[in-house]
PDB file of N, CA and C in Angstrom:
ATOM      1  N   UNK A   1      35.877-308.690  56.894  1.00  0.00           N
ATOM      2  CA  UNK A   1      35.938-307.664  55.858  1.00  0.00           C
ATOM      3  C   UNK A   1      37.396-307.494  55.419  1.00  0.00           C
ATOM      4  N   UNK A   2      37.578-307.538  54.129  1.00  0.00           N
ATOM      5  CA  UNK A   2      38.903-307.334  53.559  1.00  0.00           C
ATOM      6  C   UNK A   2      38.891-306.043  52.748  1.00  0.00           C
ATOM      7  N   UNK A   3      39.830-305.158  53.041  1.00  0.00           N
ATOM      8  CA  UNK A   3      39.944-303.915  52.288  1.00  0.00           C
ATOM      9  C   UNK A   3      41.064-304.057  51.284  1.00  0.00           C
ATOM     10  N   UNK A   4      40.833-303.535  50.099  1.00  0.00           N
ATOM     11  CA  UNK A   4      41.836-303.572  49.042  1.00  0.00           C
ATOM     12  C   UNK A   4      42.327-302.157  48.785  1.00  0.00           C
ATOM     13  N   UNK A   5      43.633-301.955  48.949  1.00  0.00           N
ATOM     14  CA  UNK A   5      44.252-300.657  48.681  1.00  0.00           C
ATOM     15  C   UNK A   5      44.770-300.697  47.252  1.00  0.00           C
ATOM     16  N   UNK A   6      44.355-299.711  46.456  1.00  0.00           N
ATOM     17  CA  UNK A   6      44.698-299.683  45.033  1.00  0.00           C
ATOM     18  C   UNK A   6      45.284-298.329  44.670  1.00  0.00           C
ATOM     19  N   UNK A   7      45.954-298.293  43.516  1.00  0.00           N
ATOM     20  CA  UNK A   7      46.579-297.047  43.068  1.00  0.00           C
ATOM     21  C   UNK A   7      46.240-296.775  41.614  1.00  0.00           C
ATOM     22  N   UNK A   8      45.913-295.510  41.336  1.00  0.00           N
ATOM     23  CA  UNK A   8      45.835-294.979  39.974  1.00  0.00           C
ATOM     24  C   UNK A   8      47.030-294.058  39.818  1.00  0.00           C
ATOM     25  N   UNK A   9      47.111-293.344  38.721  1.00  0.00           N
ATOM     26  CA  UNK A   9      48.237-292.439  38.494  1.00  0.00           C
ATOM     27  C   UNK A   9      48.372-291.374  39.567  1.00  0.00           C
ATOM     28  N   UNK A  10      47.264-290.800  39.975  1.00  0.00           N
ATOM     29  CA  UNK A  10      47.320-289.655  40.882  1.00  0.00           C
ATOM     30  C   UNK A  10      46.444-289.822  42.124  1.00  0.00           C
ATOM     31  N   UNK A  11      46.213-291.068  42.513  1.00  0.00           N
ATOM     32  CA  UNK A  11      45.434-291.305  43.718  1.00  0.00           C
ATOM     33  C   UNK A  11      45.614-292.737  44.207  1.00  0.00           C
ATOM     34  N   UNK A  12      45.415-292.883  45.498  1.00  0.00           N
ATOM     35  CA  UNK A  12      45.263-294.194  46.110  1.00  0.00           C
ATOM     36  C   UNK A  12      43.822-294.272  46.577  1.00  0.00           C
ATOM     37  N   UNK A  13      43.243-295.453  46.518  1.00  0.00           N
ATOM     38  CA  UNK A  13      41.867-295.605  46.962  1.00  0.00           C
ATOM     39  C   UNK A  13      41.674-296.988  47.572  1.00  0.00           C
ATOM     40  N   UNK A  14      40.557-297.143  48.261  1.00  0.00           N
ATOM     41  CA  UNK A  14      40.275-298.369  48.992  1.00  0.00           C
ATOM     42  C   UNK A  14      38.905-298.882  48.567  1.00  0.00           C
ATOM     43  N   UNK A  15      38.847-300.193  48.341  1.00  0.00           N
ATOM     44  CA  UNK A  15      37.579-300.843  48.020  1.00  0.00           C
ATOM     45  C   UNK A  15      37.254-301.865  49.103  1.00  0.00           C
ATOM     46  N   UNK A  16      35.964-302.032  49.367  1.00  0.00           N
ATOM     47  CA  UNK A  16      35.519-303.029  50.343  1.00  0.00           C
ATOM     48  C   UNK A  16      35.302-304.375  49.654  1.00  0.00           C
ATOM     49  N   UNK A  17      34.730-305.332  50.377  1.00  0.00           N
ATOM     50  CA  UNK A  17      34.489-306.683  49.838  1.00  0.00           C
ATOM     51  C   UNK A  17      33.601-306.681  48.599  1.00  0.00           C
ATOM     52  N   UNK A  18      32.743-305.678  48.481  1.00  0.00           N
ATOM     53  CA  UNK A  18      31.836-305.584  47.327  1.00  0.00           C
ATOM     54  C   UNK A  18      32.439-304.777  46.189  1.00  0.00           C
ATOM     55  N   UNK A  19      33.734-304.474  46.289  1.00  0.00           N
ATOM     56  CA  UNK A  19      34.462-303.694  45.289  1.00  0.00           C
ATOM     57  C   UNK A  19      33.924-302.266  45.160  1.00  0.00           C
ATOM     58  N   UNK A  20      33.318-301.753  46.234  1.00  0.00           N
ATOM     59  CA  UNK A  20      32.860-300.362  46.261  1.00  0.00           C
ATOM     60  C   UNK A  20      33.986-299.508  46.828  1.00  0.00           C
ATOM     61  N   UNK A  21      34.218-298.357  46.194  1.00  0.00           N
ATOM     62  CA  UNK A  21      35.218-297.431  46.728  1.00  0.00           C
ATOM     63  C   UNK A  21      34.687-296.813  48.012  1.00  0.00           C
ATOM     64  N   UNK A  22      35.513-296.893  49.058  1.00  0.00           N
ATOM     65  CA  UNK A  22      35.080-296.347  50.341  1.00  0.00           C
ATOM     66  C   UNK A  22      35.989-295.226  50.839  1.00  0.00           C
ATOM     67  N   UNK A  23      37.133-295.050  50.178  1.00  0.00           N
ATOM     68  CA  UNK A  23      38.051-293.989  50.596  1.00  0.00           C
ATOM     69  C   UNK A  23      39.012-293.683  49.455  1.00  0.00           C
ATOM     70  N   UNK A  24      39.543-292.446  49.477  1.00  0.00           N
ATOM     71  CA  UNK A  24      40.543-292.080  48.476  1.00  0.00           C
ATOM     72  C   UNK A  24      41.400-290.937  48.985  1.00  0.00           C
ATOM     73  N   UNK A  25      42.582-290.837  48.397  1.00  0.00           N
ATOM     74  CA  UNK A  25      43.469-289.699  48.619  1.00  0.00           C
ATOM     75  C   UNK A  25      44.072-289.360  47.257  1.00  0.00           C
ATOM     76  N   UNK A  26      43.939-288.097  46.874  1.00  0.00           N
ATOM     77  CA  UNK A  26      44.460-287.668  45.576  1.00  0.00           C
ATOM     78  C   UNK A  26      45.662-286.760  45.762  1.00  0.00           C
ATOM     79  N   UNK A  27      46.527-286.772  44.757  1.00  0.00           N
ATOM     80  CA  UNK A  27      47.722-285.938  44.778  1.00  0.00           C
ATOM     81  C   UNK A  27      48.059-285.517  43.355  1.00  0.00           C
ATOM     82  N   UNK A  28      48.865-284.467  43.249  1.00  0.00           N
ATOM     83  CA  UNK A  28      49.276-283.950  41.949  1.00  0.00           C
ATOM     84  C   UNK A  28      50.787-283.770  41.950  1.00  0.00           C
ATOM     85  N   UNK A  29      51.433-284.343  40.967  1.00  0.00           N
ATOM     86  CA  UNK A  29      52.871-284.140  40.813  1.00  0.00           C
ATOM     87  C   UNK A  29      53.095-282.808  40.110  1.00  0.00           C
ATOM     88  N   UNK A  30      54.053-282.023  40.626  1.00  0.00           N
ATOM     89  CA  UNK A  30      54.360-280.708  40.060  1.00  0.00           C
ATOM     90  C   UNK A  30      55.826-280.719  39.652  1.00  0.00           C
ATOM     91  N   UNK A  31      56.058-280.561  38.357  1.00  0.00           N
ATOM     92  CA  UNK A  31      57.429-280.576  37.871  1.00  0.00           C
ATOM     93  C   UNK A  31      58.108-281.886  38.198  1.00  0.00           C
ATOM     94  N   UNK A  32      59.410-281.806  38.462  1.00  0.00           N
ATOM     95  CA  UNK A  32      60.196-283.014  38.725  1.00  0.00           C
ATOM     96  C   UNK A  32      60.381-283.308  40.214  1.00  0.00           C
ATOM     97  N   UNK A  33      60.088-282.323  41.097  1.00  0.00           N
ATOM     98  CA  UNK A  33      60.504-282.523  42.473  1.00  0.00           C
ATOM     99  C   UNK A  33      59.481-282.119  43.544  1.00  0.00           C
ATOM    100  N   UNK A  34      58.243-281.868  43.154  1.00  0.00           N
ATOM    101  CA  UNK A  34      57.229-281.481  44.134  1.00  0.00           C
ATOM    102  C   UNK A  34      55.936-282.238  43.854  1.00  0.00           C
ATOM    103  N   UNK A  35      55.084-282.284  44.887  1.00  0.00           N
ATOM    104  CA  UNK A  35      53.746-282.857  44.737  1.00  0.00           C
ATOM    105  C   UNK A  35      52.854-282.294  45.831  1.00  0.00           C
ATOM    106  N   UNK A  36      51.586-282.139  45.512  1.00  0.00           N
ATOM    107  CA  UNK A  36      50.606-281.718  46.510  1.00  0.00           C
ATOM    108  C   UNK A  36      49.696-282.907  46.829  1.00  0.00           C
ATOM    109  N   UNK A  37      49.261-282.966  48.070  1.00  0.00           N
ATOM    110  CA  UNK A  37      48.192-283.893  48.438  1.00  0.00           C
ATOM    111  C   UNK A  37      46.945-283.030  48.522  1.00  0.00           C
ATOM    112  N   UNK A  38      45.995-283.310  47.632  1.00  0.00           N
ATOM    113  CA  UNK A  38      44.864-282.410  47.410  1.00  0.00           C
ATOM    114  C   UNK A  38      43.607-282.731  48.212  1.00  0.00           C
ATOM    115  N   UNK A  39      43.357-284.012  48.424  1.00  0.00           N
ATOM    116  CA  UNK A  39      42.019-284.398  48.886  1.00  0.00           C
ATOM    117  C   UNK A  39      42.083-285.751  49.585  1.00  0.00           C
ATOM    118  N   UNK A  40      41.343-285.858  50.680  1.00  0.00           N
ATOM    119  CA  UNK A  40      41.180-287.130  51.383  1.00  0.00           C
ATOM    120  C   UNK A  40      39.696-287.307  51.686  1.00  0.00           C
ATOM    121  N   UNK A  41      39.199-288.506  51.434  1.00  0.00           N
ATOM    122  CA  UNK A  41      37.805-288.809  51.761  1.00  0.00           C
ATOM    123  C   UNK A  41      37.712-290.252  52.248  1.00  0.00           C
ATOM    124  N   UNK A  42      36.952-290.451  53.307  1.00  0.00           N
ATOM    125  CA  UNK A  42      36.601-291.789  53.787  1.00  0.00           C
ATOM    126  C   UNK A  42      35.102-291.813  54.028  1.00  0.00           C
ATOM    127  N   UNK A  43      34.440-292.828  53.492  1.00  0.00           N
ATOM    128  CA  UNK A  43      33.010-293.014  53.717  1.00  0.00           C
ATOM    129  C   UNK A  43      32.747-292.977  55.228  1.00  0.00           C
ATOM    130  N   UNK A  44      31.710-292.251  55.652  1.00  0.00           N
ATOM    131  CA  UNK A  44      31.423-292.135  57.086  1.00  0.00           C
ATOM    132  C   UNK A  44      31.290-293.481  57.808  1.00  0.00           C
ATOM    133  N   UNK A  45      30.822-294.506  57.120  1.00  0.00           N
ATOM    134  CA  UNK A  45      30.665-295.826  57.740  1.00  0.00           C
ATOM    135  C   UNK A  45      32.002-296.498  58.052  1.00  0.00           C
ATOM    136  N   UNK A  46      33.088-295.991  57.479  1.00  0.00           N
ATOM    137  CA  UNK A  46      34.399-296.614  57.646  1.00  0.00           C
ATOM    138  C   UNK A  46      35.388-295.716  58.388  1.00  0.00           C
ATOM    139  N   UNK A  47      34.938-294.582  58.855  1.00  0.00           N
ATOM    140  CA  UNK A  47      35.839-293.660  59.551  1.00  0.00           C
ATOM    141  C   UNK A  47      36.248-294.221  60.910  1.00  0.00           C
ATOM    142  N   UNK A  48      37.405-293.776  61.381  1.00  0.00           N
ATOM    143  CA  UNK A  48      37.885-294.204  62.685  1.00  0.00           C
ATOM    144  C   UNK A  48      38.605-295.538  62.677  1.00  0.00           C
ATOM    145  N   UNK A  49      38.889-296.081  61.493  1.00  0.00           N
ATOM    146  CA  UNK A  49      39.547-297.377  61.384  1.00  0.00           C
ATOM    147  C   UNK A  49      40.989-297.258  60.880  1.00  0.00           C
ATOM    148  N   UNK A  50      41.470-296.031  60.711  1.00  0.00           N
ATOM    149  CA  UNK A  50      42.844-295.837  60.257  1.00  0.00           C
ATOM    150  C   UNK A  50      43.042-295.944  58.762  1.00  0.00           C
ATOM    151  N   UNK A  51      41.959-295.962  58.017  1.00  0.00           N
ATOM    152  CA  UNK A  51      42.061-296.111  56.563  1.00  0.00           C
ATOM    153  C   UNK A  51      42.755-294.907  55.937  1.00  0.00           C
ATOM    154  N   UNK A  52      42.374-293.708  56.326  1.00  0.00           N
ATOM    155  CA  UNK A  52      43.004-292.502  55.771  1.00  0.00           C
ATOM    156  C   UNK A  52      44.478-292.431  56.161  1.00  0.00           C
ATOM    157  N   UNK A  53      44.804-292.869  57.367  1.00  0.00           N
ATOM    158  CA  UNK A  53      46.215-292.901  57.784  1.00  0.00           C
ATOM    159  C   UNK A  53      47.027-293.821  56.880  1.00  0.00           C
ATOM    160  N   UNK A  54      46.466-294.967  56.558  1.00  0.00           N
ATOM    161  CA  UNK A  54      47.156-295.919  55.676  1.00  0.00           C
ATOM    162  C   UNK A  54      47.306-295.329  54.269  1.00  0.00           C
ATOM    163  N   UNK A  55      46.265-294.657  53.780  1.00  0.00           N
ATOM    164  CA  UNK A  55      46.363-294.010  52.475  1.00  0.00           C
ATOM    165  C   UNK A  55      47.483-292.969  52.479  1.00  0.00           C
ATOM    166  N   UNK A  56      47.540-292.173  53.536  1.00  0.00           N
ATOM    167  CA  UNK A  56      48.586-291.158  53.639  1.00  0.00           C
ATOM    168  C   UNK A  56      49.965-291.806  53.641  1.00  0.00           C
ATOM    169  N   UNK A  57      50.106-292.885  54.370  1.00  0.00           N
ATOM    170  CA  UNK A  57      51.377-293.615  54.414  1.00  0.00           C
ATOM    171  C   UNK A  57      51.790-294.064  53.008  1.00  0.00           C
ATOM    172  N   UNK A  58      50.840-294.587  52.239  1.00  0.00           N
ATOM    173  CA  UNK A  58      51.137-295.051  50.880  1.00  0.00           C
ATOM    174  C   UNK A  58      51.522-293.903  49.953  1.00  0.00           C
ATOM    175  N   UNK A  59      50.788-292.792  50.043  1.00  0.00           N
ATOM    176  CA  UNK A  59      51.081-291.628  49.206  1.00  0.00           C
ATOM    177  C   UNK A  59      52.461-291.061  49.550  1.00  0.00           C
ATOM    178  N   UNK A  60      52.724-290.887  50.839  1.00  0.00           N
ATOM    179  CA  UNK A  60      54.017-290.326  51.261  1.00  0.00           C
ATOM    180  C   UNK A  60      55.158-291.238  50.823  1.00  0.00           C
ATOM    181  N   UNK A  61      54.997-292.535  50.997  1.00  0.00           N
ATOM    182  CA  UNK A  61      56.036-293.484  50.579  1.00  0.00           C
ATOM    183  C   UNK A  61      56.316-293.361  49.081  1.00  0.00           C
ATOM    184  N   UNK A  62      55.268-293.305  48.293  1.00  0.00           N
ATOM    185  CA  UNK A  62      55.410-293.193  46.835  1.00  0.00           C
ATOM    186  C   UNK A  62      56.123-291.901  46.444  1.00  0.00           C
ATOM    187  N   UNK A  63      55.690-290.787  47.026  1.00  0.00           N
ATOM    188  CA  UNK A  63      56.263-289.492  46.648  1.00  0.00           C
ATOM    189  C   UNK A  63      57.702-289.346  47.152  1.00  0.00           C
ATOM    190  N   UNK A  64      58.003-289.914  48.306  1.00  0.00           N
ATOM    191  CA  UNK A  64      59.382-289.865  48.799  1.00  0.00           C
ATOM    192  C   UNK A  64      60.301-290.725  47.935  1.00  0.00           C
ATOM    193  N   UNK A  65      59.798-291.839  47.439  1.00  0.00           N
ATOM    194  CA  UNK A  65      60.583-292.676  46.534  1.00  0.00           C
ATOM    195  C   UNK A  65      60.919-291.912  45.254  1.00  0.00           C
ATOM    196  N   UNK A  66      60.021-291.018  44.872  1.00  0.00           N
ATOM    197  CA  UNK A  66      60.247-290.179  43.694  1.00  0.00           C
ATOM    198  C   UNK A  66      61.057-288.930  44.037  1.00  0.00           C
ATOM    199  N   UNK A  67      61.480-288.817  45.303  1.00  0.00           N
ATOM    200  CA  UNK A  67      62.283-287.690  45.803  1.00  0.00           C
ATOM    201  C   UNK A  67      61.569-286.347  45.613  1.00  0.00           C
ATOM    202  N   UNK A  68      60.281-286.348  45.954  1.00  0.00           N
ATOM    203  CA  UNK A  68      59.471-285.135  45.815  1.00  0.00           C
ATOM    204  C   UNK A  68      59.224-284.483  47.173  1.00  0.00           C
ATOM    205  N   UNK A  69      59.234-283.173  47.173  1.00  0.00           N
ATOM    206  CA  UNK A  69      58.797-282.409  48.335  1.00  0.00           C
ATOM    207  C   UNK A  69      57.273-282.485  48.362  1.00  0.00           C
ATOM    208  N   UNK A  70      56.705-282.778  49.522  1.00  0.00           N
ATOM    209  CA  UNK A  70      55.256-282.940  49.646  1.00  0.00           C
ATOM    210  C   UNK A  70      54.651-281.677  50.239  1.00  0.00           C
ATOM    211  N   UNK A  71      53.674-281.140  49.532  1.00  0.00           N
ATOM    212  CA  UNK A  71      52.950-279.955  49.976  1.00  0.00           C
ATOM    213  C   UNK A  71      51.516-280.395  50.279  1.00  0.00           C
ATOM    214  N   UNK A  72      51.159-280.534  51.565  1.00  0.00           N
ATOM    215  CA  UNK A  72      49.816-281.003  51.896  1.00  0.00           C
ATOM    216  C   UNK A  72      48.796-279.864  51.816  1.00  0.00           C
ATOM    217  N   UNK A  73      47.883-279.960  50.883  1.00  0.00           N
ATOM    218  CA  UNK A  73      46.837-278.944  50.734  1.00  0.00           C
ATOM    219  C   UNK A  73      45.553-279.332  51.453  1.00  0.00           C
ATOM    220  N   UNK A  74      45.259-280.612  51.539  1.00  0.00           N
ATOM    221  CA  UNK A  74      44.033-281.007  52.241  1.00  0.00           C
ATOM    222  C   UNK A  74      44.290-280.970  53.742  1.00  0.00           C
ATOM    223  N   UNK A  75      43.269-280.671  54.487  1.00  0.00           N
ATOM    224  CA  UNK A  75      43.414-280.460  55.934  1.00  0.00           C
ATOM    225  C   UNK A  75      43.861-281.728  56.659  1.00  0.00           C
ATOM    226  N   UNK A  76      43.398-282.891  56.216  1.00  0.00           N
ATOM    227  CA  UNK A  76      43.794-284.132  56.869  1.00  0.00           C
ATOM    228  C   UNK A  76      45.295-284.355  56.742  1.00  0.00           C
ATOM    229  N   UNK A  77      45.805-284.284  55.513  1.00  0.00           N
ATOM    230  CA  UNK A  77      47.244-284.506  55.291  1.00  0.00           C
ATOM    231  C   UNK A  77      48.072-283.435  55.996  1.00  0.00           C
ATOM    232  N   UNK A  78      47.604-282.202  55.950  1.00  0.00           N
ATOM    233  CA  UNK A  78      48.345-281.113  56.601  1.00  0.00           C
ATOM    234  C   UNK A  78      48.444-281.356  58.104  1.00  0.00           C
ATOM    235  N   UNK A  79      47.350-281.787  58.721  1.00  0.00           N
ATOM    236  CA  UNK A  79      47.380-282.007  60.166  1.00  0.00           C
ATOM    237  C   UNK A  79      48.298-283.168  60.541  1.00  0.00           C
ATOM    238  N   UNK A  80      48.365-284.181  59.717  1.00  0.00           N
ATOM    239  CA  UNK A  80      49.202-285.345  60.012  1.00  0.00           C
ATOM    240  C   UNK A  80      50.665-285.087  59.727  1.00  0.00           C
ATOM    241  N   UNK A  81      50.955-284.373  58.653  1.00  0.00           N
ATOM    242  CA  UNK A  81      52.350-284.160  58.256  1.00  0.00           C
ATOM    243  C   UNK A  81      53.002-283.037  59.038  1.00  0.00           C
ATOM    244  N   UNK A  82      52.227-282.167  59.648  1.00  0.00           N
ATOM    245  CA  UNK A  82      52.797-281.096  60.450  1.00  0.00           C
ATOM    246  C   UNK A  82      53.206-281.570  61.832  1.00  0.00           C
ATOM    247  N   UNK A  83      52.756-282.758  62.241  1.00  0.00           N
ATOM    248  CA  UNK A  83      53.091-283.279  63.564  1.00  0.00           C
ATOM    249  C   UNK A  83      54.415-283.983  63.567  1.00  0.00           C
TER     250      UNK A  83
END
């Protein structure tokens, strides 16, 4: 199984071999220097494989490159970024 990590303007998402979306993480840029992470979802069949962790890594990397303060609103991102 090969997973494809993709990016839209305000989200990263993952597709499986059949090009079905199986996970996503959305974020919103606020002004010039802030962003919120709003939502994380992983299909139950794919949970426990680190997919959401990888999505978070990609989102954080992107927002830090833009020099934005990250405000995690979704519980998954908040639990990971507070550690």
